[in-house]
Every structure is written in structure tokens, then in C-alpha cells.
C-alpha atoms as a PDB file:
ATOM      1  CA  UNK A   1      -4.854  -0.558 -20.440  1.00  0.00           C
ATOM      2  CA  UNK A   2      -4.298  -2.785 -17.405  1.00  0.00           C
ATOM      3  CA  UNK A   3      -7.511  -3.727 -15.595  1.00  0.00           C
ATOM      4  CA  UNK A   4      -7.188  -3.703 -11.763  1.00  0.00           C
ATOM      5  CA  UNK A   5     -10.251  -5.929 -11.463  1.00  0.00           C
ATOM      6  CA  UNK A   6      -8.632  -8.583 -13.669  1.00  0.00           C
ATOM      7  CA  UNK A   7      -5.394  -8.324 -11.668  1.00  0.00           C
ATOM      8  CA  UNK A   8      -7.351  -8.844  -8.456  1.00  0.00           C
ATOM      9  CA  UNK A   9      -8.754 -12.064  -9.883  1.00  0.00           C
ATOM     10  CA  UNK A  10      -5.251 -13.229 -10.870  1.00  0.00           C
ATOM     11  CA  UNK A  11      -4.018 -12.724  -7.317  1.00  0.00           C
ATOM     12  CA  UNK A  12      -7.030 -14.583  -5.949  1.00  0.00           C
ATOM     13  CA  UNK A  13      -6.296 -17.486  -8.302  1.00  0.00           C
ATOM     14  CA  UNK A  14      -2.554 -17.867  -7.713  1.00  0.00           C
ATOM     15  CA  UNK A  15      -1.725 -16.262  -4.356  1.00  0.00           C
ATOM     16  CA  UNK A  16      -4.817 -16.921  -2.225  1.00  0.00           C
ATOM     17  CA  UNK A  17      -6.455 -20.150  -1.086  1.00  0.00           C
ATOM     18  CA  UNK A  18      -9.045 -21.329   1.386  1.00  0.00           C
ATOM     19  CA  UNK A  19      -8.241 -23.920   4.014  1.00  0.00           C
ATOM     20  CA  UNK A  20     -11.303 -24.711   6.053  1.00  0.00           C
ATOM     21  CA  UNK A  21     -12.515 -21.464   7.583  1.00  0.00           C
ATOM     22  CA  UNK A  22      -9.221 -19.675   6.977  1.00  0.00           C
ATOM     23  CA  UNK A  23      -8.016 -17.614   4.023  1.00  0.00           C
ATOM     24  CA  UNK A  24      -4.307 -18.056   3.287  1.00  0.00           C
ATOM     25  CA  UNK A  25      -2.079 -15.761   1.262  1.00  0.00           C
ATOM     26  CA  UNK A  26       1.405 -16.100  -0.134  1.00  0.00           C
ATOM     27  CA  UNK A  27       4.268 -14.168   1.498  1.00  0.00           C
ATOM     28  CA  UNK A  28       7.776 -13.939   0.087  1.00  0.00           C
ATOM     29  CA  UNK A  29       9.669 -12.684   3.153  1.00  0.00           C
ATOM     30  CA  UNK A  30       9.566 -11.214   6.652  1.00  0.00           C
ATOM     31  CA  UNK A  31      12.003  -8.476   7.633  1.00  0.00           C
ATOM     32  CA  UNK A  32      12.854  -5.642  10.002  1.00  0.00           C
ATOM     33  CA  UNK A  33      12.869  -2.202   8.426  1.00  0.00           C
ATOM     34  CA  UNK A  34      13.818   1.396   9.276  1.00  0.00           C
ATOM     35  CA  UNK A  35      10.584   2.997   8.057  1.00  0.00           C
ATOM     36  CA  UNK A  36       8.193   4.495  10.632  1.00  0.00           C
ATOM     37  CA  UNK A  37      11.102   4.640  13.054  1.00  0.00           C
ATOM     38  CA  UNK A  38      11.390   0.847  13.091  1.00  0.00           C
ATOM     39  CA  UNK A  39       8.826  -1.739  11.995  1.00  0.00           C
ATOM     40  CA  UNK A  40       8.436  -5.483  11.440  1.00  0.00           C
ATOM     41  CA  UNK A  41       7.281  -6.193   7.897  1.00  0.00           C
ATOM     42  CA  UNK A  42       5.608  -9.089   6.103  1.00  0.00           C
ATOM     43  CA  UNK A  43       5.983  -8.834   2.316  1.00  0.00           C
ATOM     44  CA  UNK A  44       2.900 -10.203   0.597  1.00  0.00           C
ATOM     45  CA  UNK A  45       2.614 -11.616  -2.927  1.00  0.00           C
ATOM     46  CA  UNK A  46       0.222  -9.990  -5.381  1.00  0.00           C
ATOM     47  CA  UNK A  47      -1.130  -6.560  -6.265  1.00  0.00           C
ATOM     48  CA  UNK A  48      -3.937  -5.153  -8.397  1.00  0.00           C
ATOM     49  CA  UNK A  49      -1.843  -2.341  -9.878  1.00  0.00           C
ATOM     50  CA  UNK A  50       1.278  -2.436 -12.047  1.00  0.00           C
ATOM     51  CA  UNK A  51       3.058   0.739 -10.988  1.00  0.00           C
ATOM     52  CA  UNK A  52       6.021   1.665 -13.154  1.00  0.00           C
ATOM     53  CA  UNK A  53       8.283   2.502 -10.224  1.00  0.00           C
ATOM     54  CA  UNK A  54       7.356  -0.350  -7.865  1.00  0.00           C
ATOM     55  CA  UNK A  55      10.291  -1.735  -5.879  1.00  0.00           C
ATOM     56  CA  UNK A  56       8.453  -5.050  -5.355  1.00  0.00           C
ATOM     57  CA  UNK A  57       7.238  -5.560  -8.921  1.00  0.00           C
ATOM     58  CA  UNK A  58       8.840  -8.963  -9.358  1.00  0.00           C
ATOM     59  CA  UNK A  59       6.834 -10.594  -6.564  1.00  0.00           C
ATOM     60  CA  UNK A  60       3.785  -8.359  -6.523  1.00  0.00           C
ATOM     61  CA  UNK A  61       3.132  -8.321 -10.247  1.00  0.00           C
ATOM     62  CA  UNK A  62       4.790 -11.079 -12.243  1.00  0.00           C
ATOM     63  CA  UNK A  63       5.657 -14.024  -9.979  1.00  0.00           C
ATOM     64  CA  UNK A  64       2.438 -14.853  -8.190  1.00  0.00           C
ATOM     65  CA  UNK A  65       3.452 -18.465  -7.465  1.00  0.00           C
ATOM     66  CA  UNK A  66       6.423 -17.628  -5.205  1.00  0.00           C
ATOM     67  CA  UNK A  67       6.573 -17.659  -1.435  1.00  0.00           C
ATOM     68  CA  UNK A  68       4.627 -19.646   1.148  1.00  0.00           C
ATOM     69  CA  UNK A  69       0.925 -19.792   1.869  1.00  0.00           C
ATOM     70  CA  UNK A  70       0.389 -18.616   5.430  1.00  0.00           C
ATOM     71  CA  UNK A  71      -2.691 -18.445   7.615  1.00  0.00           C
ATOM     72  CA  UNK A  72      -3.545 -15.144   9.319  1.00  0.00           C
ATOM     73  CA  UNK A  73      -2.472 -16.337  12.760  1.00  0.00           C
ATOM     74  CA  UNK A  74       0.891 -17.474  11.372  1.00  0.00           C
ATOM     75  CA  UNK A  75       1.514 -14.020   9.900  1.00  0.00           C
ATOM     76  CA  UNK A  76       0.558 -12.261  13.137  1.00  0.00           C
ATOM     77  CA  UNK A  77       2.776 -14.574  15.193  1.00  0.00           C
ATOM     78  CA  UNK A  78       5.822 -14.218  12.929  1.00  0.00           C
ATOM     79  CA  UNK A  79       5.498 -10.435  12.836  1.00  0.00           C
ATOM     80  CA  UNK A  80       5.332 -10.178  16.616  1.00  0.00           C
ATOM     81  CA  UNK A  81       8.244 -12.567  17.112  1.00  0.00           C
ATOM     82  CA  UNK A  82      10.315 -10.518  14.676  1.00  0.00           C
ATOM     83  CA  UNK A  83       9.338  -7.213  16.305  1.00  0.00           C
ATOM     84  CA  UNK A  84      10.367  -8.489  19.740  1.00  0.00           C
ATOM     85  CA  UNK A  85      13.961  -9.021  18.578  1.00  0.00           C
ATOM     86  CA  UNK A  86      14.341  -5.225  18.272  1.00  0.00           C
ATOM     87  CA  UNK A  87      11.716  -4.051  20.721  1.00  0.00           C
ATOM     88  CA  UNK A  88       9.549  -2.682  17.904  1.00  0.00           C
ATOM     89  CA  UNK A  89       5.875  -1.999  18.518  1.00  0.00           C
ATOM     90  CA  UNK A  90       4.861  -1.394  14.897  1.00  0.00           C
ATOM     91  CA  UNK A  91       3.919  -4.039  12.322  1.00  0.00           C
ATOM     92  CA  UNK A  92       2.845  -3.943   8.693  1.00  0.00           C
ATOM     93  CA  UNK A  93       2.144  -5.863   5.506  1.00  0.00           C
ATOM     94  CA  UNK A  94       3.966  -4.455   2.477  1.00  0.00           C
ATOM     95  CA  UNK A  95       5.170  -5.464  -0.977  1.00  0.00           C
ATOM     96  CA  UNK A  96       1.682  -6.009  -2.432  1.00  0.00           C
ATOM     97  CA  UNK A  97      -1.975  -5.173  -1.859  1.00  0.00           C
ATOM     98  CA  UNK A  98      -3.199  -6.526   1.506  1.00  0.00           C
ATOM     99  CA  UNK A  99      -6.893  -5.775   0.921  1.00  0.00           C
ATOM    100  CA  UNK A 100      -7.132  -8.478  -1.767  1.00  0.00           C
ATOM    101  CA  UNK A 101      -8.849 -11.326   0.117  1.00  0.00           C
ATOM    102  CA  UNK A 102      -9.798  -8.961   2.927  1.00  0.00           C
ATOM    103  CA  UNK A 103     -10.764 -11.823   5.260  1.00  0.00           C
ATOM    104  CA  UNK A 104      -7.090 -12.755   5.453  1.00  0.00           C
ATOM    105  CA  UNK A 105      -6.089  -9.214   6.429  1.00  0.00           C
ATOM    106  CA  UNK A 106      -8.849  -8.995   9.032  1.00  0.00           C
ATOM    107  CA  UNK A 107      -7.697 -12.344  10.402  1.00  0.00           C
ATOM    108  CA  UNK A 108      -4.157 -11.014  10.802  1.00  0.00           C
ATOM    109  CA  UNK A 109      -5.450  -7.926  12.603  1.00  0.00           C
ATOM    110  CA  UNK A 110      -7.509 -10.056  14.988  1.00  0.00           C
ATOM    111  CA  UNK A 111      -4.318 -11.819  16.034  1.00  0.00           C
ATOM    112  CA  UNK A 112      -2.462  -8.614  16.947  1.00  0.00           C
ATOM    113  CA  UNK A 113      -2.741  -7.326  20.562  1.00  0.00           C
ATOM    114  CA  UNK A 114      -3.706  -3.678  20.829  1.00  0.00           C
ATOM    115  CA  UNK A 115      -0.346  -2.662  22.286  1.00  0.00           C
ATOM    116  CA  UNK A 116       1.053  -3.028  18.752  1.00  0.00           C
ATOM    117  CA  UNK A 117       0.353  -0.492  16.016  1.00  0.00           C
ATOM    118  CA  UNK A 118      -0.506  -2.148  12.716  1.00  0.00           C
ATOM    119  CA  UNK A 119       0.015  -0.066   9.567  1.00  0.00           C
ATOM    120  CA  UNK A 120      -2.163  -1.155   6.644  1.00  0.00           C
ATOM    121  CA  UNK A 121      -0.389   0.037   3.482  1.00  0.00           C
ATOM    122  CA  UNK A 122      -2.865   0.038   0.617  1.00  0.00           C
ATOM    123  CA  UNK A 123      -3.683   1.655  -2.700  1.00  0.00           C
ATOM    124  CA  UNK A 124      -7.258   1.910  -1.457  1.00  0.00           C
ATOM    125  CA  UNK A 125      -8.956   0.647  -4.602  1.00  0.00           C
ATOM    126  CA  UNK A 126     -10.821  -2.137  -2.769  1.00  0.00           C
ATOM    127  CA  UNK A 127     -11.768  -0.204   0.378  1.00  0.00           C
ATOM    128  CA  UNK A 128     -15.520   0.215   0.117  1.00  0.00           C
ATOM    129  CA  UNK A 129     -17.872   1.193   2.964  1.00  0.00           C
ATOM    130  CA  UNK A 130     -17.967  -2.362   4.335  1.00  0.00           C
ATOM    131  CA  UNK A 131     -14.205  -2.892   4.461  1.00  0.00           C
ATOM    132  CA  UNK A 132     -13.731   0.623   5.859  1.00  0.00           C
ATOM    133  CA  UNK A 133     -15.988  -0.242   8.791  1.00  0.00           C
ATOM    134  CA  UNK A 134     -14.164  -3.523   9.372  1.00  0.00           C
ATOM    135  CA  UNK A 135     -10.800  -1.757   9.516  1.00  0.00           C
ATOM    136  CA  UNK A 136     -12.126   1.069  11.687  1.00  0.00           C
ATOM    137  CA  UNK A 137     -13.190  -1.487  14.297  1.00  0.00           C
ATOM    138  CA  UNK A 138      -9.525  -2.013  15.272  1.00  0.00           C
ATOM    139  CA  UNK A 139      -8.240   0.754  17.591  1.00  0.00           C
ATOM    140  CA  UNK A 140      -4.586  -0.093  16.857  1.00  0.00           C
ATOM    141  CA  UNK A 141      -4.850   0.077  13.047  1.00  0.00           C
ATOM    142  CA  UNK A 142      -3.497   2.961  10.977  1.00  0.00           C
ATOM    143  CA  UNK A 143      -4.363   2.972   7.273  1.00  0.00           C
ATOM    144  CA  UNK A 144      -1.872   4.552   4.896  1.00  0.00           C
ATOM    145  CA  UNK A 145      -3.490   5.043   1.496  1.00  0.00           C
ATOM    146  CA  UNK A 146      -0.797   5.329  -1.171  1.00  0.00           C
ATOM    147  CA  UNK A 147      -2.148   7.518  -3.978  1.00  0.00           C
ATOM    148  CA  UNK A 148      -0.478   6.935  -7.322  1.00  0.00           C
ATOM    149  CA  UNK A 149       0.172  10.384  -8.756  1.00  0.00           C
ATOM    150  CA  UNK A 150      -1.601  13.635  -8.004  1.00  0.00           C
ATOM    151  CA  UNK A 151      -4.173  13.568 -10.797  1.00  0.00           C
ATOM    152  CA  UNK A 152      -6.079  10.979 -12.828  1.00  0.00           C
ATOM    153  CA  UNK A 153      -3.695  11.594 -15.734  1.00  0.00           C
ATOM    154  CA  UNK A 154      -0.627  10.904 -13.593  1.00  0.00           C
ATOM    155  CA  UNK A 155      -2.306   7.811 -12.156  1.00  0.00           C
ATOM    156  CA  UNK A 156      -2.807   6.451 -15.669  1.00  0.00           C
ATOM    157  CA  UNK A 157       0.809   7.245 -16.588  1.00  0.00           C
ATOM    158  CA  UNK A 158       2.191   5.447 -13.527  1.00  0.00           C
ATOM    159  CA  UNK A 159      -0.114   2.419 -13.464  1.00  0.00           C
ATOM    160  CA  UNK A 160      -1.255   2.036 -17.088  1.00  0.00           C
ATOM    161  CA  UNK A 161      -4.734   1.534 -15.618  1.00  0.00           C
ATOM    162  CA  UNK A 162      -7.826   3.608 -16.452  1.00  0.00           C
ATOM    163  CA  UNK A 163      -7.705   7.014 -14.812  1.00  0.00           C
ATOM    164  CA  UNK A 164     -11.155   6.495 -13.292  1.00  0.00           C
ATOM    165  CA  UNK A 165      -9.486   4.323 -10.635  1.00  0.00           C
ATOM    166  CA  UNK A 166      -7.643   7.358  -9.310  1.00  0.00           C
ATOM    167  CA  UNK A 167     -10.862   8.458  -7.637  1.00  0.00           C
ATOM    168  CA  UNK A 168     -11.183   5.081  -5.906  1.00  0.00           C
ATOM    169  CA  UNK A 169      -8.119   5.945  -3.827  1.00  0.00           C
ATOM    170  CA  UNK A 170      -9.678   9.179  -2.617  1.00  0.00           C
ATOM    171  CA  UNK A 171     -12.988   7.423  -2.011  1.00  0.00           C
ATOM    172  CA  UNK A 172     -11.160   4.928   0.212  1.00  0.00           C
ATOM    173  CA  UNK A 173      -9.950   7.740   2.453  1.00  0.00           C
ATOM    174  CA  UNK A 174     -13.436   9.218   2.530  1.00  0.00           C
ATOM    175  CA  UNK A 175     -14.937   5.838   3.434  1.00  0.00           C
ATOM    176  CA  UNK A 176     -12.439   5.363   6.271  1.00  0.00           C
ATOM    177  CA  UNK A 177     -13.086   8.833   7.666  1.00  0.00           C
ATOM    178  CA  UNK A 178     -16.837   8.253   7.452  1.00  0.00           C
ATOM    179  CA  UNK A 179     -16.334   4.956   9.295  1.00  0.00           C
ATOM    180  CA  UNK A 180     -14.884   6.887  12.232  1.00  0.00           C
ATOM    181  CA  UNK A 181     -11.142   6.847  11.584  1.00  0.00           C
ATOM    182  CA  UNK A 182      -9.503  10.130  12.562  1.00  0.00           C
ATOM    183  CA  UNK A 183      -7.810  11.979   9.665  1.00  0.00           C
ATOM    184  CA  UNK A 184      -4.012  12.115  10.003  1.00  0.00           C
ATOM    185  CA  UNK A 185      -4.064   9.843  13.046  1.00  0.00           C
ATOM    186  CA  UNK A 186      -5.915   6.673  12.018  1.00  0.00           C
ATOM    187  CA  UNK A 187      -5.906   7.258   8.255  1.00  0.00           C
ATOM    188  CA  UNK A 188      -3.683   9.437   6.130  1.00  0.00           C
ATOM    189  CA  UNK A 189      -2.706   9.879   2.488  1.00  0.00           C
ATOM    190  CA  UNK A 190       0.652   9.031   1.006  1.00  0.00           C
ATOM    191  CA  UNK A 191       1.253  10.266  -2.535  1.00  0.00           C
ATOM    192  CA  UNK A 192       3.709   9.262  -5.227  1.00  0.00           C
ATOM    193  CA  UNK A 193       4.655  12.741  -6.425  1.00  0.00           C
ATOM    194  CA  UNK A 194       7.794  11.699  -8.279  1.00  0.00           C
ATOM    195  CA  UNK A 195       5.989  12.279 -11.579  1.00  0.00           C
ATOM    196  CA  UNK A 196       4.050  15.377 -10.510  1.00  0.00           C
ATOM    197  CA  UNK A 197       4.295  19.097 -11.092  1.00  0.00           C
ATOM    198  CA  UNK A 198       3.869  21.687  -8.371  1.00  0.00           C
ATOM    199  CA  UNK A 199       0.427  22.529  -9.729  1.00  0.00           C
ATOM    200  CA  UNK A 200      -0.771  18.935  -9.843  1.00  0.00           C
ATOM    201  CA  UNK A 201       0.444  18.445  -6.270  1.00  0.00           C
ATOM    202  CA  UNK A 202      -1.649  21.453  -5.222  1.00  0.00           C
ATOM    203  CA  UNK A 203      -4.594  19.922  -7.076  1.00  0.00           C
ATOM    204  CA  UNK A 204      -4.269  16.791  -4.956  1.00  0.00           C
ATOM    205  CA  UNK A 205      -4.137  18.874  -1.791  1.00  0.00           C
ATOM    206  CA  UNK A 206      -7.394  20.554  -2.769  1.00  0.00           C
ATOM    207  CA  UNK A 207      -9.040  17.199  -3.478  1.00  0.00           C
ATOM    208  CA  UNK A 208      -7.976  15.830  -0.090  1.00  0.00           C
ATOM    209  CA  UNK A 209      -9.098  18.991   1.716  1.00  0.00           C
ATOM    210  CA  UNK A 210     -12.493  18.420   0.137  1.00  0.00           C
ATOM    211  CA  UNK A 211     -12.717  15.164   2.092  1.00  0.00           C
ATOM    212  CA  UNK A 212     -11.403  16.700   5.340  1.00  0.00           C
ATOM    213  CA  UNK A 213      -9.344  19.878   5.826  1.00  0.00           C
ATOM    214  CA  UNK A 214      -6.676  18.089   7.862  1.00  0.00           C
ATOM    215  CA  UNK A 215      -5.816  15.611   5.106  1.00  0.00           C
ATOM    216  CA  UNK A 216      -4.060  18.196   2.953  1.00  0.00           C
ATOM    217  CA  UNK A 217      -1.710  18.850   5.872  1.00  0.00           C
ATOM    218  CA  UNK A 218      -0.500  15.280   6.442  1.00  0.00           C
ATOM    219  CA  UNK A 219       0.403  13.944   3.009  1.00  0.00           C
ATOM    220  CA  UNK A 220       3.305  11.521   3.240  1.00  0.00           C
ATOM    221  CA  UNK A 221       5.153  12.413   0.037  1.00  0.00           C
ATOM    222  CA  UNK A 222       6.707   9.499  -1.866  1.00  0.00           C
ATOM    223  CA  UNK A 223       9.365   9.764  -4.544  1.00  0.00           C
ATOM    224  CA  UNK A 224      10.869   7.109  -6.761  1.00  0.00           C
ATOM    225  CA  UNK A 225      13.698   5.184  -5.083  1.00  0.00           C
ATOM    226  CA  UNK A 226      16.341   4.520  -7.716  1.00  0.00           C
ATOM    227  CA  UNK A 227      17.037   0.877  -7.007  1.00  0.00           C
ATOM    228  CA  UNK A 228      18.682  -0.733 -10.081  1.00  0.00           C
ATOM    229  CA  UNK A 229      15.671  -2.977 -10.753  1.00  0.00           C
ATOM    230  CA  UNK A 230      13.327   0.038 -10.470  1.00  0.00           C
ATOM    231  CA  UNK A 231      15.416   1.999 -12.983  1.00  0.00           C
ATOM    232  CA  UNK A 232      15.240  -1.001 -15.326  1.00  0.00           C
ATOM    233  CA  UNK A 233      11.453  -1.149 -14.994  1.00  0.00           C
ATOM    234  CA  UNK A 234      11.023   2.580 -15.608  1.00  0.00           C
ATOM    235  CA  UNK A 235      13.154   2.377 -18.745  1.00  0.00           C
ATOM    236  CA  UNK A 236      11.008  -0.462 -20.029  1.00  0.00           C
ATOM    237  CA  UNK A 237       7.888   1.596 -19.346  1.00  0.00           C
ATOM    238  CA  UNK A 238       9.494   4.775 -20.721  1.00  0.00           C
ATOM    239  CA  UNK A 239       8.865   6.595 -17.468  1.00  0.00           C
ATOM    240  CA  UNK A 240      11.022   9.476 -16.343  1.00  0.00           C
ATOM    241  CA  UNK A 241      10.382  10.894 -12.888  1.00  0.00           C
ATOM    242  CA  UNK A 242      10.686  14.585 -12.115  1.00  0.00           C
ATOM    243  CA  UNK A 243      12.152  13.862  -8.685  1.00  0.00           C
ATOM    244  CA  UNK A 244      13.668  10.779  -7.114  1.00  0.00           C
ATOM    245  CA  UNK A 245      15.932   9.623  -4.299  1.00  0.00           C
ATOM    246  CA  UNK A 246      18.884   7.264  -4.214  1.00  0.00           C
ATOM    247  CA  UNK A 247      18.574   4.041  -2.178  1.00  0.00           C
ATOM    248  CA  UNK A 248      20.373   5.862   0.650  1.00  0.00           C
ATOM    249  CA  UNK A 249      17.808   8.673   0.559  1.00  0.00           C
ATOM    250  CA  UNK A 250      19.718  11.419  -1.255  1.00  0.00           C
ATOM    251  CA  UNK A 251      17.338  13.590  -3.359  1.00  0.00           C
ATOM    252  CA  UNK A 252      17.985  13.617  -7.115  1.00  0.00           C
ATOM    253  CA  UNK A 253      16.491  16.097  -9.574  1.00  0.00           C
ATOM    254  CA  UNK A 254      15.572  14.332 -12.800  1.00  0.00           C
ATOM    255  CA  UNK A 255      14.741  17.495 -14.748  1.00  0.00           C
END
């Protein structure tokens, strides 16, 4: 089993550092992307899960000494400069887990004017009541909690981490809603259903509806994207998805 707590400590050791009052994190690239209708993206180094279909596994899981250490204000500035080249008003951190060293993430958010929407993409494992309240304090923040699988068993299959952590993802959504974030507007679930059955997907819907009825209606469904390096990783992990998409977005049945 892979321990998410131990992985968090690894990221803190190799991809995070303090410099005076600031917390710096490593980033391996900045880019413009088509997702969300157009968004400026900062790809961060380091994650506390080892998902078997992760497109960023090289830099989020195994190469924690790559990239540059950047202060929060540097990240905010570079994202906004990049967004302006296309007229984008949405920004995000992707490629790893941004809630590791939460002070860095909060620092980035403080540097973003409220006329930008900032999407926090997270697996939710580290979002407790305190961090939920800190995130909810920003009116321009949207939290997208990416749930790995539809059940604890699928979570364990995908991540090789104890299935008890599956519940942490749902608890994160609950904490954010309780902190005042509006379901489906300020916080919403994404779900990797590429390894799920129809019944397990319904089970996830019921679990989300138990937090708030709206949440079952706004699941952002994720499927495996068959990039060559992702296919290689899945073969090594002996994972076979039930559904996937090509890099150009064409659905592929794997059954």
C-alpha cells in the first residue's frame, strides 16, 4: 500500500521550501490550455497520490527535484501575464496537489484580483475544516475535487492507497459546503469513472447527494486519456479501464 501521508512528507521535503515568511513550491511549466473554455495553467511538482492513469506522473510522483522554486506572488503574476495573451479570465494550478503546503496556495490566491476565476484542482485529501474556511474566504475561487473512482474499492485499485482515504475526498466537499461554498457553483465533484461500473457510479451519486442534493447533478466525469505515457503506466500497474478517450477526445470502449 502507498501511504498518502508519507507522500505528503516527501513533497514537503523535496518540492517545498521556506524563504523568510514565504512558502515556495516547485513548478515544472506554465501553459495555456483549452479546458474550462480557456485557462492559464501552472503545473506544480508533487502529489500525495500515485494514480495509475495520471498524465503528470513523471513530475508529480517520481521526479520531485525538477522545475523551479517559485514564491506565491511569482506564480500569480506569471499566470495573469499568460492569461492576458489570450484574454482568458480563468487560472489554475494543475499537474500535482496544490493543497500540500497550503500557505503557498493561499498566497497565490491572495495575489489574484477578483475579476479572475481561480480553479483549485485537488484530490481533497488535505482539505479539513480549517483549509475549507480559508478557501471559502475567496469569492473568486472554485474548488474542483477530483474523486478517484466511485467507491473505496475503485479508489484503492487506482491509487494503491488504503481505501479509507476515499472518504477523505467526500469529506473535503462536505467541509467546503459547510464553510459556505455553494454546491455546483463554488465547489463541485469531478470523478474518475474510467474504471467504474454503472452501479458503482450510481453509488457515488448517492453518496454525494447525501452531502447535498445538487452535488449528484454536477459531477464532472473524467475518463482515462490514452496518452502513450499513460498507457505505459497502466500496463505497468496492470490497470485496464472500462472507458477511455483518445488524446483528441474520441471515446473508446475498453470492454
